[in-house]
Protein backbone atom coordinates (compact mmCIF):
# COMPACT_ATOMS: atom_id res chain seq x y z
CA MET A 1 73.02 76.63 58.24
CA THR A 2 75.43 74.78 55.96
CA ILE A 3 78.26 73.01 57.79
CA ALA A 4 81.34 72.18 55.72
CA ARG A 5 83.22 68.98 56.41
CA PRO A 6 85.28 69.05 59.63
CA LEU A 7 89.04 69.64 59.37
CA ALA A 8 88.82 71.28 55.97
CA GLY A 9 92.26 71.62 54.41
CA LEU A 10 93.75 68.54 56.07
CA THR A 11 95.60 66.22 53.68
CA ARG A 12 98.16 63.42 53.93
CA ARG A 13 100.86 65.88 52.92
CA ASN A 14 100.28 68.27 55.84
CA LEU A 15 99.20 65.73 58.49
CA ALA A 16 102.61 65.53 60.18
CA ARG A 17 102.98 69.31 60.26
CA GLU A 18 99.52 69.72 61.79
CA LEU A 19 100.27 67.14 64.48
CA VAL A 20 103.51 68.90 65.41
CA ALA A 21 101.61 72.20 65.55
CA GLY A 22 99.16 70.52 67.93
CA VAL A 23 101.98 69.57 70.31
CA THR A 24 103.17 73.18 70.19
CA LEU A 25 99.65 74.35 70.98
CA ILE A 26 99.55 72.03 74.01
CA ALA A 27 102.76 73.61 75.31
CA ILE A 28 101.34 77.11 74.87
CA ALA A 29 97.74 76.61 75.97
CA ILE A 30 98.00 74.53 79.13
CA PRO A 31 100.14 76.94 81.19
CA LEU A 32 98.20 79.95 79.91
CA ASN A 33 94.82 78.43 80.71
CA ILE A 34 95.93 77.58 84.23
CA GLY A 35 96.84 81.25 84.65
CA TYR A 36 93.62 82.48 83.06
CA ALA A 37 91.55 80.28 85.37
CA GLN A 38 93.31 81.89 88.34
CA ILE A 39 92.57 85.36 86.91
CA ALA A 40 88.92 84.40 86.65
CA GLY A 41 88.91 83.24 90.30
CA LEU A 42 88.39 79.62 89.29
CA PRO A 43 90.37 76.40 89.96
CA PRO A 44 93.01 75.37 87.40
CA THR A 45 90.75 72.58 86.16
CA ALA A 46 88.27 75.16 84.84
CA GLY A 47 90.94 76.44 82.46
CA LEU A 48 91.97 72.91 81.46
CA TYR A 49 88.40 71.70 80.95
CA ALA A 50 87.92 74.52 78.41
CA LEU A 51 90.55 72.83 76.26
CA ILE A 52 88.62 69.56 75.94
CA VAL A 53 84.90 69.43 75.09
CA PRO A 54 84.46 73.14 74.10
CA THR A 55 87.58 72.99 71.93
CA VAL A 56 86.45 69.82 70.12
CA VAL A 57 82.93 71.15 69.53
CA TYR A 58 84.26 74.46 68.21
CA ALA A 59 86.93 72.92 65.98
CA LEU A 60 84.42 70.61 64.30
CA THR A 61 81.85 73.31 63.52
CA VAL A 62 83.75 76.54 62.79
CA SER A 63 84.35 77.79 59.24
CA SER A 64 87.80 79.20 60.02
CA ARG A 65 90.58 76.71 59.50
CA GLN A 66 92.93 78.41 61.96
CA LEU A 67 91.15 80.43 64.66
CA VAL A 68 91.83 78.93 68.09
CA ALA A 69 89.01 79.18 70.62
CA SER A 70 89.81 79.34 74.32
CA PRO A 71 89.34 81.54 77.37
CA ASP A 72 91.73 84.47 77.15
CA ALA A 73 93.00 87.15 79.51
CA ALA A 74 90.27 89.67 78.70
CA ALA A 75 87.51 87.08 79.11
CA ALA A 76 89.00 85.86 82.38
CA ALA A 77 89.13 89.41 83.74
CA LEU A 78 85.53 90.00 82.70
CA VAL A 79 84.45 86.84 84.47
CA ALA A 80 86.24 87.90 87.66
CA SER A 81 84.96 91.48 87.64
CA SER A 82 81.37 90.55 86.87
CA ILE A 83 80.96 87.53 89.15
CA GLY A 84 83.17 88.74 91.98
CA GLY A 85 80.34 90.77 93.47
CA LEU A 86 77.89 87.85 93.35
CA ALA A 87 79.90 85.07 95.02
CA VAL A 88 83.24 84.40 96.69
CA ALA A 89 86.02 83.55 94.24
CA GLY A 90 86.97 79.89 94.45
CA SER A 91 83.64 78.80 95.93
CA THR A 92 81.23 76.30 94.40
CA ASP A 93 78.63 79.04 93.85
CA TYR A 94 81.23 81.14 92.03
CA ALA A 95 82.07 78.26 89.67
CA THR A 96 78.37 77.66 89.03
CA LEU A 97 77.87 81.33 88.09
CA ALA A 98 80.82 81.16 85.69
CA MET A 99 79.23 78.14 84.02
CA ALA A 100 75.87 79.92 83.80
CA GLN A 101 77.57 82.93 82.28
CA ALA A 102 79.12 80.69 79.60
CA VAL A 103 75.70 79.21 78.85
CA LEU A 104 74.25 82.70 78.38
CA CYS A 105 77.12 83.58 76.06
CA GLY A 106 76.44 80.42 74.06
CA ALA A 107 72.75 81.28 73.70
CA MET A 108 73.61 84.83 72.59
CA PHE A 109 76.12 83.60 70.01
CA LEU A 110 73.50 81.24 68.59
CA LEU A 111 70.96 84.06 68.37
CA LEU A 112 73.48 86.26 66.59
CA ALA A 113 74.16 83.43 64.14
CA VAL A 114 70.53 82.53 63.48
CA PHE A 115 69.41 86.14 62.97
CA LYS A 116 72.68 87.11 61.23
CA LEU A 117 73.38 89.91 63.69
CA GLY A 118 77.14 89.67 63.73
CA PHE A 119 77.30 93.16 62.26
CA LEU A 120 76.43 94.55 65.71
CA ALA A 121 79.98 93.84 66.79
CA ASN A 122 81.13 96.39 64.21
CA PHE A 123 80.04 99.04 66.71
CA LEU A 124 83.11 98.08 68.72
CA SER A 125 85.61 100.11 66.73
CA LYS A 126 89.38 99.75 67.12
CA PRO A 127 89.72 102.61 69.67
CA ILE A 128 86.92 101.14 71.77
CA LEU A 129 88.40 97.64 71.72
CA VAL A 130 91.85 99.01 72.53
CA GLY A 131 90.50 100.99 75.49
CA PHE A 132 88.22 98.27 76.82
CA VAL A 133 90.74 95.43 76.58
CA GLY A 134 93.56 97.70 77.79
CA GLY A 135 91.65 98.55 80.95
CA LEU A 136 91.03 94.87 81.66
CA ALA A 137 94.67 94.06 80.94
CA LEU A 138 96.04 96.63 83.38
CA ASP A 139 93.68 95.34 86.07
CA ILE A 140 94.99 91.81 85.43
CA LEU A 141 98.59 92.98 85.43
CA VAL A 142 98.34 94.32 88.99
CA SER A 143 97.23 90.87 90.21
CA GLN A 144 100.03 89.15 88.31
CA ILE A 145 102.68 91.52 89.66
CA ALA A 146 101.47 90.76 93.17
CA LYS A 147 101.75 87.05 92.40
CA MET A 148 105.29 87.51 91.06
CA LEU A 149 106.34 89.39 94.20
CA GLY A 150 104.66 87.01 96.60
CA VAL A 151 102.47 89.84 97.94
CA LYS A 152 99.00 88.94 99.18
CA ILE A 153 96.16 91.03 97.73
CA ASP A 154 92.44 90.54 97.19
CA SER A 155 92.46 89.53 93.51
CA GLY A 156 88.69 89.93 93.37
CA GLY A 157 88.75 93.57 94.50
CA GLU A 158 88.49 96.74 92.45
CA PHE A 159 91.54 98.08 90.65
CA VAL A 160 92.20 100.88 93.14
CA GLU A 161 91.94 98.47 96.08
CA LYS A 162 94.30 95.96 94.46
CA LEU A 163 96.79 98.66 93.53
CA GLY A 164 96.68 100.03 97.09
CA ASP A 165 97.17 96.56 98.57
CA LEU A 166 100.09 95.92 96.23
CA ILE A 167 101.85 99.17 97.14
CA ALA A 168 101.22 98.66 100.86
CA GLY A 169 102.52 95.09 100.67
CA LEU A 170 105.76 95.80 98.82
CA GLY A 171 107.61 95.47 102.12
CA THR A 172 106.49 91.83 102.33
CA THR A 173 107.97 90.90 98.94
CA ASN A 174 109.36 87.37 98.94
CA PRO A 175 112.91 87.49 97.49
CA VAL A 176 112.75 83.94 96.16
CA SER A 177 109.40 84.60 94.43
CA LEU A 178 110.84 87.78 92.94
CA ALA A 179 113.89 85.88 91.65
CA ILE A 180 111.70 83.19 90.05
CA ALA A 181 109.49 85.82 88.43
CA ALA A 182 112.40 87.94 87.17
CA GLY A 183 114.14 84.92 85.66
CA SER A 184 110.87 83.77 84.07
CA VAL A 185 110.14 87.17 82.54
CA ALA A 186 113.69 87.40 81.17
CA VAL A 187 113.45 83.95 79.57
CA LEU A 188 110.01 84.66 78.07
CA LEU A 189 110.94 88.04 76.60
CA LEU A 190 114.38 87.05 75.29
CA GLY A 191 113.13 83.71 74.03
CA LYS A 192 110.26 85.34 72.18
CA ARG A 193 112.70 87.72 70.54
CA PHE A 194 115.40 85.27 69.45
CA LEU A 195 113.82 81.79 69.28
CA ARG A 196 110.08 82.18 68.75
CA ALA A 197 109.52 78.54 67.79
CA VAL A 198 110.40 77.27 71.29
CA PRO A 199 107.44 76.94 73.73
CA TRP A 200 109.09 79.13 76.35
CA ALA A 201 106.06 79.17 78.66
CA LEU A 202 106.35 75.40 79.00
CA VAL A 203 110.10 75.65 79.49
CA VAL A 204 109.61 78.18 82.29
CA LEU A 205 107.02 75.98 84.02
CA LEU A 206 109.18 72.88 83.81
CA VAL A 207 112.40 74.52 85.00
CA THR A 208 110.84 76.49 87.85
CA THR A 209 108.83 73.47 89.01
CA VAL A 210 111.99 71.34 89.09
CA LEU A 211 113.74 74.05 91.13
CA VAL A 212 110.84 74.19 93.60
CA VAL A 213 110.93 70.42 94.07
CA LEU A 214 114.72 70.06 94.32
CA LEU A 215 115.35 73.10 96.52
CA HIS A 216 112.09 72.90 98.52
CA LEU A 217 111.38 76.53 97.66
CA ASP A 218 107.81 76.23 98.91
CA GLU A 219 109.30 76.12 102.40
CA SER A 220 110.83 79.56 101.67
CA GLY A 221 107.39 81.08 101.17
CA VAL A 222 106.95 80.49 97.45
CA ASP A 223 103.30 79.83 96.60
CA VAL A 224 102.64 76.78 94.44
CA LEU A 225 99.61 75.74 92.41
CA GLY A 226 98.70 72.93 94.76
CA GLU A 227 96.83 69.72 94.14
CA VAL A 228 94.83 69.58 90.91
CA PRO A 229 91.95 67.07 90.86
CA ALA A 230 92.52 64.27 88.37
CA GLY A 231 89.96 63.03 85.88
CA PRO A 232 88.02 64.24 82.85
CA PRO A 233 85.41 67.00 83.05
CA ALA A 234 82.01 65.81 84.21
CA LEU A 235 79.05 66.87 82.13
CA THR A 236 76.77 68.99 84.29
CA TRP A 237 74.49 72.01 84.12
CA PRO A 238 74.49 75.22 86.20
CA ILE A 239 71.44 75.46 88.46
CA VAL A 240 70.74 79.06 89.52
CA ASP A 241 67.54 81.04 90.08
CA TRP A 242 66.04 83.35 87.45
CA SER A 243 67.08 86.54 89.21
CA THR A 244 70.71 85.41 89.13
CA TRP A 245 70.45 84.54 85.43
CA LEU A 246 69.28 88.11 84.82
CA LEU A 247 72.18 89.54 86.82
CA LEU A 248 74.59 87.68 84.54
CA VAL A 249 73.06 88.99 81.30
CA PRO A 250 75.02 92.29 81.05
CA SER A 251 78.39 90.59 81.50
CA ALA A 252 77.41 87.85 79.06
CA ILE A 253 76.53 90.54 76.50
CA ALA A 254 79.93 92.16 77.05
CA LEU A 255 81.76 88.85 76.62
CA THR A 256 79.74 87.98 73.52
CA MET A 257 80.26 91.30 71.78
CA VAL A 258 83.98 91.52 72.49
CA THR A 259 84.51 87.95 71.26
CA THR A 260 82.33 88.58 68.20
CA ALA A 261 84.24 91.70 67.23
CA GLU A 262 87.69 90.21 67.75
CA GLY A 263 86.89 86.66 66.64
CA LEU A 264 85.24 87.56 63.34
CA LEU A 265 87.97 90.05 62.51
CA VAL A 266 90.76 87.54 63.15
CA SER A 267 88.88 84.76 61.34
CA ARG A 268 88.33 86.90 58.23
CA SER A 269 91.88 88.25 58.19
CA TYR A 270 93.50 84.79 58.29
CA GLY A 271 91.05 83.46 55.72
CA GLU A 272 91.96 86.27 53.34
CA LYS A 273 95.66 85.87 54.12
CA ARG A 274 95.68 82.11 53.45
CA GLY A 275 93.17 81.99 50.61
CA TYR A 276 90.11 80.22 52.02
CA SER A 277 86.57 81.44 52.63
CA THR A 278 85.00 81.95 56.04
CA SER A 279 81.40 82.34 57.17
CA PRO A 280 80.85 84.88 59.99
CA ASN A 281 77.51 83.41 60.98
CA ARG A 282 78.88 79.88 61.11
CA ASP A 283 81.78 81.11 63.24
CA LEU A 284 79.25 82.64 65.63
CA PHE A 285 77.35 79.35 65.60
CA ALA A 286 80.57 77.53 66.56
CA PHE A 287 81.25 80.00 69.37
CA GLY A 288 77.71 79.39 70.59
CA LEU A 289 78.11 75.62 70.73
CA GLY A 290 81.57 75.97 72.27
CA ASN A 291 80.28 78.16 75.09
CA LEU A 292 77.32 75.88 75.76
CA ALA A 293 79.81 73.03 76.01
CA ALA A 294 81.95 75.10 78.40
CA GLY A 295 78.93 75.79 80.61
CA ALA A 296 78.07 72.10 80.63
CA SER A 297 81.60 70.91 81.48
CA ALA A 298 82.58 72.99 84.53
CA SER A 299 84.50 75.63 82.58
CA PHE A 300 83.91 79.30 81.76
CA ALA A 301 83.34 81.57 78.76
CA VAL A 302 85.28 80.73 75.62
CA GLY A 303 86.44 83.39 73.16
CA SER A 304 89.01 83.72 70.40
CA SER A 305 92.73 83.57 71.13
CA THR A 306 94.59 85.92 68.83
CA SER A 307 98.00 85.00 70.23
CA ARG A 308 97.50 81.24 69.85
CA THR A 309 96.04 81.66 66.38
CA ALA A 310 99.12 83.66 65.38
CA ALA A 311 101.38 80.98 66.86
CA MET A 312 99.62 78.25 64.86
CA ASP A 313 99.88 80.30 61.68
CA GLN A 314 103.61 80.79 62.25
CA SER A 315 104.03 77.05 62.79
CA GLY A 316 102.50 76.38 59.38
CA SER A 317 99.14 75.05 60.58
CA ARG A 318 96.20 75.54 58.21
CA THR A 319 93.54 73.32 59.82
CA GLN A 320 91.76 72.77 63.11
CA LEU A 321 93.63 69.51 63.78
CA PRO A 322 95.99 71.16 66.33
CA SER A 323 92.94 72.05 68.45
CA LEU A 324 91.89 68.39 68.49
CA VAL A 325 95.44 67.37 69.43
CA LEU A 326 95.27 69.94 72.23
CA ALA A 327 92.02 68.43 73.52
CA VAL A 328 93.49 64.90 73.57
CA GLY A 329 96.73 66.06 75.22
CA THR A 330 94.86 67.98 77.92
CA LEU A 331 92.62 64.99 78.62
CA LEU A 332 95.66 62.72 79.01
CA LEU A 333 97.23 65.25 81.40
CA LEU A 334 94.10 65.31 83.54
CA LEU A 335 93.92 61.52 83.58
CA PHE A 336 97.55 60.70 84.29
CA GLY A 337 99.64 63.80 84.94
CA THR A 338 97.97 66.12 87.44
CA ALA A 339 100.64 65.33 90.02
CA LEU A 340 103.07 67.21 87.75
CA LEU A 341 101.06 70.39 88.21
CA ALA A 342 100.99 70.57 92.02
CA ASP A 343 104.43 72.14 92.45
CA ILE A 344 104.19 74.76 89.71
CA PRO A 345 105.23 78.05 91.40
CA SER A 346 102.69 80.87 91.30
CA PRO A 347 105.35 83.52 90.46
CA ALA A 348 106.12 81.62 87.23
CA ILE A 349 102.42 81.52 86.33
CA GLY A 350 102.18 85.24 87.07
CA ALA A 351 105.16 85.89 84.80
CA ILE A 352 103.66 83.86 81.94
CA VAL A 353 100.28 85.58 82.15
CA GLY A 354 101.85 89.01 82.70
CA VAL A 355 104.04 88.73 79.61
CA ALA A 356 101.11 87.35 77.59
CA ILE A 357 98.88 90.33 78.40
CA LEU A 358 101.47 93.07 77.90
CA PRO A 359 100.42 93.56 74.24
CA LEU A 360 96.80 93.93 75.40
CA LEU A 361 97.67 97.15 77.23
CA GLY A 362 97.55 98.79 73.80
CA ILE A 363 100.40 101.25 74.40
CA ALA A 364 101.48 101.23 70.75
CA ASP A 365 97.84 101.46 69.62
CA PHE A 366 97.18 104.46 71.85
CA ALA A 367 100.32 106.17 70.54
CA ARG A 368 99.18 105.59 66.97
CA LEU A 369 95.68 106.92 67.71
CA TRP A 370 97.22 110.04 69.27
CA ARG A 371 99.14 110.67 66.06
CA LEU A 372 96.29 109.92 63.67
CA ASP A 373 93.09 111.10 65.32
CA ARG A 374 92.81 112.83 68.70
CA PHE A 375 89.06 112.28 68.92
CA GLU A 376 89.44 108.51 68.48
CA PHE A 377 92.27 108.59 71.03
CA ALA A 378 89.87 110.28 73.46
CA VAL A 379 87.25 107.60 72.77
CA GLY A 380 89.74 104.87 73.58
CA ALA A 381 91.02 106.69 76.68
CA VAL A 382 87.52 107.20 78.11
CA CYS A 383 86.71 103.54 77.54
CA PHE A 384 90.03 102.53 79.15
CA LEU A 385 89.49 104.66 82.27
CA THR A 386 85.85 103.64 82.67
CA THR A 387 86.71 99.95 82.43
CA LEU A 388 89.60 100.35 84.86
CA PHE A 389 88.01 102.50 87.55
CA VAL A 390 84.27 101.79 87.25
CA GLY A 391 84.13 98.22 85.96
CA SER A 392 83.92 96.04 82.89
CA ILE A 393 80.13 96.30 82.52
CA ALA A 394 80.23 100.08 82.72
CA GLY A 395 83.11 99.92 80.26
CA ILE A 396 81.10 98.02 77.66
CA VAL A 397 78.11 100.34 78.12
CA VAL A 398 80.32 103.39 77.66
CA ALA A 399 81.91 101.65 74.67
CA PHE A 400 78.57 101.35 72.89
CA VAL A 401 77.54 104.90 73.79
CA LEU A 402 80.85 106.21 72.46
CA ALA A 403 80.42 104.10 69.33
CA LEU A 404 77.04 105.71 68.69
CA VAL A 405 78.41 109.18 69.41
CA ASN A 406 81.30 108.55 67.03
CA LEU A 407 78.92 107.23 64.38
CA ALA A 408 76.57 110.19 64.75
CA LYS A 409 79.48 112.63 64.66
CA ARG A 410 80.71 111.23 61.35
CA ALA A 411 77.25 110.75 59.86
CA ALA A 412 76.23 114.30 60.73
CA ASN A 413 78.98 115.69 58.52
CA PRO A 414 78.96 113.68 55.29
CA ALA A 415 80.64 114.91 52.14
CA ILE A 416 78.28 117.34 50.36
CA ASP A 417 79.73 118.70 47.12
CA VAL A 418 78.83 120.82 44.15
CA LEU A 419 79.88 118.86 41.07
CA GLU A 420 81.51 120.28 37.99
CA ALA A 421 80.24 119.30 34.55
CA GLY A 422 82.55 116.29 34.40
CA GLY A 423 81.21 114.95 37.71
CA ASP A 424 84.18 115.76 39.95
CA PRO A 425 83.67 117.75 43.18
CA THR A 426 84.43 121.42 42.71
CA ASP A 427 83.07 123.01 45.90
CA SER A 428 82.66 121.38 49.32
CA LEU A 429 79.52 122.68 50.96
CA LEU A 430 80.79 121.77 54.42
CA ALA A 431 83.27 124.65 54.26
CA PRO A 432 82.20 127.71 56.29
CA VAL A 433 82.15 129.85 53.14
CA ALA A 434 81.19 128.31 49.81
CA ARG A 435 83.01 129.53 46.71
CA GLY A 436 79.78 129.93 44.77
CA GLU A 437 80.48 127.38 42.05
CA VAL A 438 77.84 126.08 39.64
CA THR A 439 77.88 122.88 37.61
CA ALA A 440 76.57 124.57 34.48
CA PRO A 441 74.93 127.93 33.78
CA GLY A 442 71.82 128.15 35.94
CA THR A 443 72.26 124.60 37.24
CA ILE A 444 73.84 123.10 40.35
CA VAL A 445 74.35 119.37 40.85
CA VAL A 446 74.78 118.52 44.53
CA ARG A 447 75.99 115.13 45.73
CA LEU A 448 75.30 113.84 49.26
CA ALA A 449 77.67 110.98 50.08
CA ALA A 450 75.51 109.36 52.77
CA PRO A 451 71.94 108.33 53.58
CA LEU A 452 69.70 111.29 54.40
CA PHE A 453 68.57 110.85 57.99
CA PHE A 454 68.00 112.61 61.30
CA ALA A 455 71.67 113.35 61.97
CA ASN A 456 72.39 115.15 58.69
CA GLY A 457 69.04 116.37 57.34
CA SER A 458 69.50 119.96 58.48
CA VAL A 459 73.18 119.90 57.48
CA PHE A 460 72.20 118.97 53.93
CA THR A 461 69.45 121.58 53.62
CA ASP A 462 71.72 124.34 54.93
CA ALA A 463 74.45 123.29 52.50
CA VAL A 464 72.08 123.45 49.52
CA LYS A 465 70.85 126.91 50.50
CA ARG A 466 74.46 128.05 50.90
CA SER A 467 75.32 126.77 47.42
CA ILE A 468 72.48 128.68 45.76
CA ARG A 469 73.12 131.91 47.65
CA GLY A 470 76.86 131.57 47.07
CA ALA A 471 76.37 131.27 43.29
CA GLU A 472 74.37 134.48 43.18
CA GLN A 473 76.86 136.35 45.40
CA ALA A 474 79.74 135.16 43.21
CA GLY A 475 78.10 136.63 40.12
CA LYS A 476 77.33 133.24 38.55
CA GLY A 477 73.75 134.30 37.99
CA PRO A 478 70.54 133.00 39.55
CA VAL A 479 70.17 129.25 39.93
CA HIS A 480 67.07 127.85 38.29
CA HIS A 481 67.74 124.12 38.59
CA LEU A 482 68.99 121.96 41.46
CA VAL A 483 69.87 118.33 40.71
CA VAL A 484 70.39 116.05 43.68
CA ASP A 485 72.85 113.23 42.83
CA MET A 486 71.40 110.23 44.70
CA GLU A 487 74.05 107.63 43.89
CA ALA A 488 75.30 107.42 47.51
CA VAL A 489 71.90 108.00 49.17
CA THR A 490 70.88 104.47 50.10
CA ASP A 491 68.08 105.42 52.48
CA ILE A 492 66.01 108.32 53.82
CA ASP A 493 64.31 108.35 57.19
CA VAL A 494 61.25 110.36 58.23
CA THR A 495 63.26 113.12 59.90
CA GLY A 496 65.49 113.46 56.85
CA ALA A 497 62.39 113.57 54.63
CA GLU A 498 60.88 116.37 56.73
CA ALA A 499 64.08 118.39 56.39
CA PHE A 500 64.00 117.82 52.63
CA GLU A 501 60.35 118.90 52.46
CA ALA A 502 61.26 122.16 54.21
CA LEU A 503 64.05 122.62 51.65
CA LEU A 504 61.60 122.07 48.79
CA VAL A 505 59.37 124.84 50.17
CA TRP A 506 62.33 127.20 50.31
CA LEU A 507 63.46 126.25 46.78
CA GLU A 508 59.97 126.84 45.44
CA ARG A 509 60.02 130.35 46.90
CA GLU A 510 63.39 130.90 45.24
CA ARG A 511 61.96 129.56 41.96
CA VAL A 512 64.43 126.71 41.78
CA GLU A 513 63.27 123.50 40.13
CA VAL A 514 64.41 120.24 41.79
CA SER A 515 65.40 117.08 39.91
CA PHE A 516 67.19 113.86 40.81
CA SER A 517 69.94 111.87 39.13
CA ARG A 518 71.42 108.38 39.51
CA VAL A 519 68.66 107.25 41.85
CA ARG A 520 68.93 103.69 43.20
CA THR A 521 65.83 101.49 42.91
CA GLU A 522 65.42 101.24 46.70
CA ALA A 523 65.93 104.98 47.14
CA ARG A 524 63.39 105.74 44.41
CA GLU A 525 60.79 103.61 46.18
CA ARG A 526 61.62 105.40 49.42
CA LEU A 527 61.32 108.86 47.78
CA ASP A 528 57.96 107.91 46.38
CA ALA A 529 56.71 106.49 49.70
CA LEU A 530 57.74 109.68 51.53
CA GLY A 531 56.05 111.90 48.97
CA LEU A 532 59.28 113.57 47.82
CA LEU A 533 59.28 112.35 44.23
CA ALA A 534 55.95 113.74 42.95
CA ASP A 535 56.37 114.65 39.27
CA ARG A 536 60.01 115.67 39.54
CA ARG A 537 62.35 114.54 36.81
CA ILE A 538 64.86 111.73 37.33
CA PHE A 539 67.96 111.56 35.13
CA ALA A 540 70.08 108.48 34.54
CA THR A 541 73.33 110.46 34.73
CA ASN A 542 74.49 113.92 35.75
CA ARG A 543 75.51 114.61 32.15
CA ASP A 544 71.95 113.92 31.00
CA ALA A 545 70.69 116.36 33.61
CA ILE A 546 73.14 119.10 32.58
CA ALA A 547 72.39 118.62 28.88
CA SER A 548 68.69 118.92 29.55
CA LEU A 549 68.69 121.73 32.10
CA ALA A 550 71.73 123.96 31.49
CA GLU A 551 70.93 127.41 30.14
CA PRO A 552 72.82 129.19 27.35
CA PRO A 553 75.52 131.47 28.80
CA ASP A 554 73.91 134.64 27.44
CA THR A 555 70.71 133.99 29.40
CA VAL A 556 72.49 133.74 32.74
CA GLY A 557 71.64 136.72 34.84
CA GLY A 558 68.78 137.69 32.53
């Protein structure tokens, strides 16, 4: 796998801008990663460690010049929901399982890269991603609201349990925590609207921490982050038994596929937007190394951060240098500044994470799906409800099943048209009643705009029969020649071939000769291998077929 030089795009002219963008990234990433670690049920250091070795490894190997890799809200929620049933959140065993999960993700990313299987993530369509991530986001939001109110709930419980605990505990709301959270949310939302360039998350943390220290708000019942161990991440390796590794596989698959779908899409879109090329398989390779590094440095699964990537793009960054600046800044904080983190109020962290995940709820996306396609809205809604009420693993399984159902639904009804002499569609054979058009006297050219396979074989054969019967009923005379336009038929499977063979038998009884036009080389080999070609004629174009086969008008009906 070819690896381009690290920090592609960095020059003397943009060095200062990239360094400033790196400082901005520090201000954004550190408070968010502390919050995401808490969502995942891990100590704050797990979120900070992800910003050091995994970030450096990823930044030096990825093809994208801008995509920022880091744990995000969806990944953190997946970690919590999948590991919560295997160990107690906050325990050493729990942290070890999170590391093992990251290692599995790394191995899966590398396999996807080596075997060029990134296309599998395309099965996660937009409605599925919206539903899956939205369900995780709402589950997270309940925990963050509890944190903002100072209400104690079991953050590792199921959604219904957490929601019940939150409602039951509303009477224990801490007024000071609520005030801190309300002020933080107001600053974050208004600041984002009017002065986007300011790192408002950092401002909120600094101001609220100063207030806690000066006014001793922790004595009023406000939860604070507490002591954060100083020092760099220690290189280690998760030691768990084989049965536990197997239990982590489904969640690792879910994390890998969601990150693949979102990460490759964001990487490609920014590459196209800013005029540089990206390599999907190399991006997967970088995610693989980054996750292995996370598993070996006491962190958890690393994915793509859409929000931070957007922030870097808006700041003018066009290289991976800000990620390296972030790694250095985080390391310095862990070495010399952990005492600054101890008094950070939990309501402020809850406000930062809550505001950050609001867009992930997908409210606008669901509204758009409702307007454009009710079936796709239903797909997203089912995935959302499954993820929320059954769990993230069930959500990803349902997501793939729905993806296959959606694919089969669309593939089973491809465009099948009768063509006019000029080649344009004149009669859709998917309509309940065909109009009985012919391409030329005695000849019908039918175009199938899809591979012929198990899902549409019978649909195609029924459509052809309907076209021939419809021509006779419409008084266009008997059809003697059927030409199948194969331009869009890239493949034929055995089931599709059997359906076509049955059609050939019927056409022979009806005394209709079958020919092909515009046959691709691969499709021709496939037709021959399946025994469908025989001695049937193949025309280079539809016009050649019509010129050769069309009957004089006065013979039609005779």
